[in-house]
Amino acid sequence: MTPAAPAANVTDADVAAIERLKHEYCYAIDDGRYGDWAGCFAPDGRFVMNDGTTFEGRDELEAFGRDVFDDAYAESAHTVTNARIDVDGDTATGRWYLALYHETADGETAVQQANYADEFERVDGEWRIAEANVTYGVRLPR
């Protein structure tokens, strides 16, 4: 089986900028820098979990980090792999596998697997996340 060729309009600079943005997203939430994490999103960006729970806009996103994520995990390390990024002008899509290494407040450690299916948009010349969709478990997003 021959792998699919990358889209003709994908540039190395755009792919690198989107990958860097996703890595900053991971570091910011793991470091507890929830304002910086929310800043990875477009002003009206959304974080959508596979149960339909949605956080929209930077204020809600920052509150999610502080009130939900921070309560769930004492420590965390997001690791994203297998990036597949397609760019179309000022919008893009990306898929990633996630291994979330974490420790709870009770001291329990685990690894949680998930998949991201993201949408990106260029805002004032910078790539931002328009929507991050996370599907927990080994199930693949459709």
N, C-alpha and C. Protein backbone atom coordinates (compact mmCIF):
# COMPACT_ATOMS: atom_id res chain seq x y z
N MET A 1 0.85 -1.17 0.00
CA MET A 1 0.00 0.00 0.00
C MET A 1 0.89 1.23 0.00
N THR A 2 0.66 2.13 -0.92
CA THR A 2 1.43 3.36 -1.03
C THR A 2 0.80 4.43 -0.14
N PRO A 3 1.61 5.12 0.71
CA PRO A 3 1.04 6.18 1.54
C PRO A 3 0.51 7.31 0.68
N ALA A 4 -0.50 7.99 1.19
CA ALA A 4 -1.08 9.13 0.47
C ALA A 4 -0.06 10.25 0.40
N ALA A 5 -0.03 10.95 -0.71
CA ALA A 5 0.87 12.09 -0.86
C ALA A 5 0.30 13.27 -0.08
N PRO A 6 1.16 14.10 0.49
CA PRO A 6 0.66 15.28 1.20
C PRO A 6 -0.04 16.22 0.24
N ALA A 7 -0.97 16.99 0.76
CA ALA A 7 -1.69 17.95 -0.06
C ALA A 7 -0.70 18.94 -0.65
N ALA A 8 -0.97 19.40 -1.87
CA ALA A 8 -0.05 20.28 -2.57
C ALA A 8 0.10 21.64 -1.88
N ASN A 9 -0.92 22.05 -1.14
CA ASN A 9 -0.88 23.39 -0.53
C ASN A 9 -0.31 23.39 0.88
N VAL A 10 0.23 22.29 1.35
CA VAL A 10 0.82 22.22 2.68
C VAL A 10 2.25 22.74 2.59
N THR A 11 2.58 23.76 3.41
CA THR A 11 3.95 24.26 3.43
C THR A 11 4.64 23.80 4.71
N ASP A 12 5.95 23.62 4.61
CA ASP A 12 6.72 23.21 5.78
C ASP A 12 6.58 24.22 6.91
N ALA A 13 6.56 25.50 6.60
CA ALA A 13 6.45 26.54 7.63
C ALA A 13 5.12 26.45 8.37
N ASP A 14 4.03 26.23 7.64
CA ASP A 14 2.72 26.10 8.28
C ASP A 14 2.65 24.86 9.16
N VAL A 15 3.14 23.74 8.65
CA VAL A 15 3.13 22.50 9.42
C VAL A 15 3.96 22.67 10.69
N ALA A 16 5.14 23.25 10.57
CA ALA A 16 6.00 23.46 11.74
C ALA A 16 5.33 24.38 12.75
N ALA A 17 4.66 25.43 12.30
CA ALA A 17 3.99 26.36 13.21
C ALA A 17 2.83 25.68 13.93
N ILE A 18 2.09 24.84 13.24
CA ILE A 18 0.96 24.13 13.86
C ILE A 18 1.48 23.09 14.85
N GLU A 19 2.53 22.36 14.47
CA GLU A 19 3.12 21.39 15.41
C GLU A 19 3.62 22.10 16.66
N ARG A 20 4.29 23.23 16.49
CA ARG A 20 4.79 23.99 17.65
C ARG A 20 3.63 24.46 18.51
N LEU A 21 2.56 24.93 17.90
CA LEU A 21 1.37 25.35 18.66
C LEU A 21 0.81 24.20 19.47
N LYS A 22 0.70 23.02 18.88
CA LYS A 22 0.18 21.86 19.61
C LYS A 22 1.11 21.48 20.76
N HIS A 23 2.40 21.58 20.54
CA HIS A 23 3.35 21.28 21.63
C HIS A 23 3.22 22.32 22.74
N GLU A 24 3.06 23.58 22.40
CA GLU A 24 2.87 24.61 23.43
C GLU A 24 1.57 24.35 24.21
N TYR A 25 0.53 23.93 23.51
CA TYR A 25 -0.75 23.54 24.14
C TYR A 25 -0.48 22.49 25.22
N CYS A 26 0.32 21.48 24.88
CA CYS A 26 0.64 20.40 25.84
C CYS A 26 1.45 20.92 27.01
N TYR A 27 2.52 21.66 26.74
CA TYR A 27 3.36 22.17 27.82
C TYR A 27 2.59 23.13 28.72
N ALA A 28 1.79 24.00 28.13
CA ALA A 28 1.08 25.01 28.92
C ALA A 28 0.11 24.36 29.91
N ILE A 29 -0.68 23.39 29.46
CA ILE A 29 -1.64 22.77 30.38
C ILE A 29 -0.91 21.94 31.43
N ASP A 30 0.16 21.26 31.04
CA ASP A 30 0.92 20.46 32.02
C ASP A 30 1.63 21.34 33.05
N ASP A 31 2.04 22.53 32.65
CA ASP A 31 2.71 23.46 33.56
C ASP A 31 1.73 24.26 34.42
N GLY A 32 0.43 24.10 34.17
CA GLY A 32 -0.56 24.86 34.92
C GLY A 32 -0.66 26.31 34.46
N ARG A 33 -0.19 26.59 33.26
CA ARG A 33 -0.29 27.94 32.69
C ARG A 33 -1.57 28.00 31.85
N TYR A 34 -2.70 28.05 32.54
CA TYR A 34 -3.98 27.90 31.86
C TYR A 34 -4.34 29.09 30.97
N GLY A 35 -3.87 30.28 31.31
CA GLY A 35 -4.07 31.42 30.43
C GLY A 35 -3.31 31.25 29.12
N ASP A 36 -2.08 30.73 29.21
CA ASP A 36 -1.30 30.46 28.01
C ASP A 36 -1.93 29.33 27.20
N TRP A 37 -2.45 28.32 27.91
CA TRP A 37 -3.12 27.21 27.22
C TRP A 37 -4.33 27.75 26.45
N ALA A 38 -5.14 28.56 27.11
CA ALA A 38 -6.31 29.15 26.43
C ALA A 38 -5.88 30.03 25.27
N GLY A 39 -4.72 30.67 25.39
CA GLY A 39 -4.20 31.52 24.32
C GLY A 39 -3.78 30.75 23.08
N CYS A 40 -3.65 29.43 23.18
CA CYS A 40 -3.37 28.61 22.00
C CYS A 40 -4.59 28.53 21.08
N PHE A 41 -5.74 28.89 21.61
CA PHE A 41 -7.00 28.83 20.87
C PHE A 41 -7.32 30.18 20.25
N ALA A 42 -8.11 30.16 19.19
CA ALA A 42 -8.69 31.38 18.66
C ALA A 42 -9.59 31.98 19.75
N PRO A 43 -9.88 33.27 19.69
CA PRO A 43 -10.71 33.87 20.74
C PRO A 43 -12.02 33.13 21.01
N ASP A 44 -12.63 32.57 19.97
CA ASP A 44 -13.88 31.81 20.13
C ASP A 44 -13.64 30.31 20.00
N GLY A 45 -12.40 29.88 20.22
CA GLY A 45 -12.04 28.47 20.07
C GLY A 45 -12.78 27.57 21.05
N ARG A 46 -12.84 26.27 20.69
CA ARG A 46 -13.59 25.29 21.48
C ARG A 46 -12.72 24.07 21.77
N PHE A 47 -12.94 23.51 22.98
CA PHE A 47 -12.37 22.23 23.38
C PHE A 47 -13.56 21.31 23.58
N VAL A 48 -13.65 20.23 22.80
CA VAL A 48 -14.82 19.35 22.79
C VAL A 48 -14.39 17.94 23.16
N MET A 49 -15.00 17.40 24.22
CA MET A 49 -14.72 16.02 24.62
C MET A 49 -15.73 15.09 23.96
N ASN A 50 -15.37 13.81 23.82
CA ASN A 50 -16.23 12.89 23.08
C ASN A 50 -17.58 12.64 23.74
N ASP A 51 -17.77 13.07 25.01
CA ASP A 51 -19.10 12.97 25.62
C ASP A 51 -19.96 14.19 25.31
N GLY A 52 -19.41 15.12 24.50
CA GLY A 52 -20.15 16.31 24.11
C GLY A 52 -19.87 17.53 24.99
N THR A 53 -19.18 17.34 26.10
CA THR A 53 -18.84 18.47 26.95
C THR A 53 -17.96 19.43 26.16
N THR A 54 -18.34 20.70 26.14
CA THR A 54 -17.65 21.71 25.35
C THR A 54 -17.31 22.93 26.19
N PHE A 55 -16.11 23.43 26.00
CA PHE A 55 -15.68 24.68 26.62
C PHE A 55 -15.34 25.61 25.47
N GLU A 56 -15.95 26.81 25.47
CA GLU A 56 -15.80 27.71 24.32
C GLU A 56 -15.37 29.10 24.78
N GLY A 57 -14.42 29.65 24.05
CA GLY A 57 -13.90 30.97 24.36
C GLY A 57 -12.80 30.88 25.40
N ARG A 58 -11.90 31.82 25.36
CA ARG A 58 -10.71 31.75 26.20
C ARG A 58 -11.03 31.79 27.69
N ASP A 59 -12.05 32.52 28.10
CA ASP A 59 -12.40 32.55 29.53
C ASP A 59 -12.85 31.18 30.01
N GLU A 60 -13.74 30.51 29.24
CA GLU A 60 -14.20 29.16 29.63
C GLU A 60 -13.05 28.17 29.58
N LEU A 61 -12.17 28.31 28.59
CA LEU A 61 -11.04 27.39 28.47
C LEU A 61 -10.09 27.53 29.65
N GLU A 62 -9.80 28.76 30.04
CA GLU A 62 -8.92 28.97 31.19
C GLU A 62 -9.58 28.42 32.46
N ALA A 63 -10.89 28.63 32.60
CA ALA A 63 -11.61 28.10 33.77
C ALA A 63 -11.58 26.57 33.76
N PHE A 64 -11.69 25.94 32.60
CA PHE A 64 -11.58 24.49 32.51
C PHE A 64 -10.25 24.03 33.09
N GLY A 65 -9.16 24.66 32.69
CA GLY A 65 -7.85 24.28 33.21
C GLY A 65 -7.78 24.41 34.71
N ARG A 66 -8.22 25.53 35.20
CA ARG A 66 -8.11 25.84 36.63
C ARG A 66 -9.08 25.01 37.47
N ASP A 67 -10.31 24.84 36.99
CA ASP A 67 -11.36 24.23 37.81
C ASP A 67 -11.57 22.74 37.57
N VAL A 68 -11.27 22.27 36.38
CA VAL A 68 -11.52 20.86 36.05
C VAL A 68 -10.19 20.10 35.97
N PHE A 69 -9.32 20.53 35.09
CA PHE A 69 -8.06 19.81 34.88
C PHE A 69 -7.20 19.81 36.14
N ASP A 70 -7.07 20.98 36.76
CA ASP A 70 -6.24 21.11 37.95
C ASP A 70 -6.76 20.25 39.10
N ASP A 71 -8.08 20.10 39.20
CA ASP A 71 -8.65 19.25 40.25
C ASP A 71 -8.43 17.76 39.96
N ALA A 72 -8.37 17.41 38.70
CA ALA A 72 -8.25 16.00 38.33
C ALA A 72 -6.82 15.47 38.46
N TYR A 73 -5.83 16.32 38.19
CA TYR A 73 -4.46 15.84 38.10
C TYR A 73 -3.51 16.68 38.94
N ALA A 74 -2.70 16.01 39.76
CA ALA A 74 -1.64 16.69 40.50
C ALA A 74 -0.46 16.97 39.57
N GLU A 75 -0.19 16.04 38.67
CA GLU A 75 0.86 16.17 37.66
C GLU A 75 0.35 15.55 36.37
N SER A 76 0.84 16.08 35.25
CA SER A 76 0.46 15.50 33.96
C SER A 76 1.54 15.75 32.93
N ALA A 77 1.57 14.90 31.93
CA ALA A 77 2.48 15.06 30.79
C ALA A 77 1.75 14.59 29.54
N HIS A 78 1.37 15.55 28.70
CA HIS A 78 0.74 15.24 27.42
C HIS A 78 1.84 14.91 26.40
N THR A 79 1.70 13.80 25.72
CA THR A 79 2.61 13.43 24.64
C THR A 79 1.78 13.19 23.39
N VAL A 80 1.98 14.02 22.36
CA VAL A 80 1.23 13.84 21.11
C VAL A 80 2.18 13.32 20.03
N THR A 81 1.66 12.39 19.23
CA THR A 81 2.46 11.76 18.19
C THR A 81 1.64 11.60 16.92
N ASN A 82 2.31 11.14 15.89
CA ASN A 82 1.70 10.78 14.61
C ASN A 82 0.89 11.93 14.01
N ALA A 83 1.45 13.13 14.06
CA ALA A 83 0.75 14.29 13.52
C ALA A 83 0.46 14.11 12.03
N ARG A 84 -0.76 14.43 11.67
CA ARG A 84 -1.14 14.49 10.25
C ARG A 84 -1.83 15.82 10.07
N ILE A 85 -1.20 16.74 9.37
CA ILE A 85 -1.68 18.11 9.24
C ILE A 85 -1.94 18.40 7.78
N ASP A 86 -3.11 18.95 7.49
CA ASP A 86 -3.48 19.39 6.14
C ASP A 86 -3.85 20.86 6.21
N VAL A 87 -3.22 21.66 5.36
CA VAL A 87 -3.42 23.10 5.34
C VAL A 87 -4.18 23.48 4.08
N ASP A 88 -5.14 24.39 4.24
CA ASP A 88 -5.88 24.94 3.11
C ASP A 88 -6.01 26.45 3.33
N GLY A 89 -5.03 27.19 2.84
CA GLY A 89 -5.03 28.64 3.02
C GLY A 89 -4.84 29.01 4.49
N ASP A 90 -5.85 29.67 5.06
CA ASP A 90 -5.77 30.11 6.45
C ASP A 90 -6.49 29.19 7.41
N THR A 91 -6.80 27.97 6.97
CA THR A 91 -7.38 26.96 7.86
C THR A 91 -6.59 25.67 7.69
N ALA A 92 -6.70 24.83 8.69
CA ALA A 92 -5.99 23.55 8.64
C ALA A 92 -6.69 22.56 9.55
N THR A 93 -6.40 21.29 9.33
CA THR A 93 -6.86 20.23 10.22
C THR A 93 -5.64 19.43 10.66
N GLY A 94 -5.78 18.81 11.82
CA GLY A 94 -4.69 17.98 12.32
C GLY A 94 -5.24 16.82 13.13
N ARG A 95 -4.55 15.69 13.04
CA ARG A 95 -4.88 14.51 13.87
C ARG A 95 -3.63 14.12 14.62
N TRP A 96 -3.82 13.63 15.86
CA TRP A 96 -2.72 13.27 16.73
C TRP A 96 -3.16 12.13 17.63
N TYR A 97 -2.23 11.29 18.01
CA TYR A 97 -2.46 10.36 19.11
C TYR A 97 -1.95 11.04 20.38
N LEU A 98 -2.62 10.80 21.49
CA LEU A 98 -2.23 11.36 22.78
C LEU A 98 -2.00 10.24 23.78
N ALA A 99 -0.88 10.31 24.48
CA ALA A 99 -0.67 9.52 25.69
C ALA A 99 -0.57 10.54 26.81
N LEU A 100 -1.52 10.50 27.73
CA LEU A 100 -1.55 11.43 28.86
C LEU A 100 -1.09 10.68 30.11
N TYR A 101 0.14 10.97 30.51
CA TYR A 101 0.69 10.40 31.74
C TYR A 101 0.25 11.32 32.87
N HIS A 102 -0.30 10.74 33.95
CA HIS A 102 -0.78 11.63 35.00
C HIS A 102 -0.74 10.98 36.37
N GLU A 103 -0.77 11.86 37.36
CA GLU A 103 -0.88 11.46 38.75
C GLU A 103 -2.04 12.24 39.35
N THR A 104 -2.91 11.54 40.06
CA THR A 104 -4.05 12.20 40.69
C THR A 104 -3.63 12.80 42.03
N ALA A 105 -4.51 13.58 42.62
CA ALA A 105 -4.24 14.16 43.95
C ALA A 105 -4.04 13.07 44.99
N ASP A 106 -4.61 11.88 44.75
CA ASP A 106 -4.47 10.74 45.67
C ASP A 106 -3.16 9.97 45.45
N GLY A 107 -2.34 10.41 44.49
CA GLY A 107 -1.06 9.76 44.25
C GLY A 107 -1.11 8.59 43.28
N GLU A 108 -2.27 8.33 42.67
CA GLU A 108 -2.38 7.25 41.70
C GLU A 108 -1.86 7.71 40.35
N THR A 109 -1.12 6.84 39.69
CA THR A 109 -0.58 7.19 38.38
C THR A 109 -1.21 6.30 37.32
N ALA A 110 -1.29 6.82 36.11
CA ALA A 110 -1.86 6.07 35.00
C ALA A 110 -1.46 6.74 33.69
N VAL A 111 -1.72 6.03 32.61
CA VAL A 111 -1.58 6.57 31.27
C VAL A 111 -2.94 6.45 30.60
N GLN A 112 -3.40 7.54 30.05
CA GLN A 112 -4.69 7.55 29.35
C GLN A 112 -4.42 7.84 27.88
N GLN A 113 -5.00 7.02 27.02
CA GLN A 113 -4.84 7.19 25.58
C GLN A 113 -6.02 7.96 25.03
N ALA A 114 -5.76 8.81 24.04
CA ALA A 114 -6.82 9.56 23.38
C ALA A 114 -6.36 9.92 21.98
N ASN A 115 -7.28 10.48 21.21
CA ASN A 115 -7.00 10.95 19.86
C ASN A 115 -7.52 12.37 19.76
N TYR A 116 -6.77 13.23 19.09
CA TYR A 116 -7.22 14.59 18.80
C TYR A 116 -7.56 14.68 17.32
N ALA A 117 -8.64 15.35 17.02
CA ALA A 117 -8.98 15.77 15.66
C ALA A 117 -9.22 17.27 15.78
N ASP A 118 -8.26 18.06 15.32
CA ASP A 118 -8.27 19.50 15.55
C ASP A 118 -8.52 20.28 14.27
N GLU A 119 -9.06 21.47 14.46
CA GLU A 119 -9.22 22.45 13.39
C GLU A 119 -8.44 23.69 13.81
N PHE A 120 -7.72 24.26 12.85
CA PHE A 120 -6.89 25.43 13.11
C PHE A 120 -7.30 26.55 12.17
N GLU A 121 -7.02 27.79 12.61
CA GLU A 121 -7.23 28.94 11.75
C GLU A 121 -6.10 29.94 12.01
N ARG A 122 -5.77 30.69 10.97
CA ARG A 122 -4.76 31.72 11.11
C ARG A 122 -5.46 32.97 11.61
N VAL A 123 -5.02 33.49 12.77
CA VAL A 123 -5.60 34.68 13.38
C VAL A 123 -4.50 35.73 13.48
N ASP A 124 -4.67 36.85 12.82
CA ASP A 124 -3.66 37.91 12.83
C ASP A 124 -2.28 37.36 12.49
N GLY A 125 -2.23 36.48 11.49
CA GLY A 125 -0.97 35.93 11.01
C GLY A 125 -0.40 34.78 11.82
N GLU A 126 -1.07 34.39 12.91
CA GLU A 126 -0.60 33.28 13.77
C GLU A 126 -1.61 32.14 13.77
N TRP A 127 -1.12 30.91 13.75
CA TRP A 127 -2.01 29.75 13.84
C TRP A 127 -2.57 29.63 15.24
N ARG A 128 -3.87 29.36 15.33
CA ARG A 128 -4.56 29.13 16.60
C ARG A 128 -5.51 27.95 16.42
N ILE A 129 -5.86 27.32 17.53
CA ILE A 129 -6.80 26.20 17.49
C ILE A 129 -8.22 26.76 17.43
N ALA A 130 -8.95 26.39 16.41
CA ALA A 130 -10.36 26.77 16.30
C ALA A 130 -11.21 25.78 17.11
N GLU A 131 -10.85 24.50 17.01
CA GLU A 131 -11.58 23.48 17.76
C GLU A 131 -10.66 22.29 17.98
N ALA A 132 -10.55 21.87 19.24
CA ALA A 132 -9.82 20.66 19.61
C ALA A 132 -10.85 19.63 20.03
N ASN A 133 -10.91 18.54 19.31
CA ASN A 133 -11.83 17.44 19.62
C ASN A 133 -11.01 16.27 20.16
N VAL A 134 -11.33 15.83 21.38
CA VAL A 134 -10.58 14.74 21.98
C VAL A 134 -11.51 13.54 22.17
N THR A 135 -11.04 12.39 21.73
CA THR A 135 -11.76 11.13 21.89
C THR A 135 -10.90 10.24 22.78
N TYR A 136 -11.38 9.95 23.97
CA TYR A 136 -10.62 9.15 24.93
C TYR A 136 -10.73 7.67 24.61
N GLY A 137 -9.67 6.95 24.88
CA GLY A 137 -9.63 5.53 24.60
C GLY A 137 -9.00 5.28 23.25
N VAL A 138 -8.98 4.04 22.86
CA VAL A 138 -8.32 3.65 21.62
C VAL A 138 -9.21 3.92 20.41
N ARG A 139 -10.46 4.26 20.63
CA ARG A 139 -11.36 4.56 19.51
C ARG A 139 -10.80 5.70 18.66
N LEU A 140 -10.96 5.58 17.40
CA LEU A 140 -10.51 6.64 16.48
C LEU A 140 -11.67 7.57 16.18
N PRO A 141 -11.38 8.88 16.03
CA PRO A 141 -12.45 9.81 15.65
C PRO A 141 -12.89 9.52 14.23
N ARG A 142 -14.10 9.81 13.95
CA ARG A 142 -14.64 9.58 12.60
C ARG A 142 -14.81 10.89 11.88
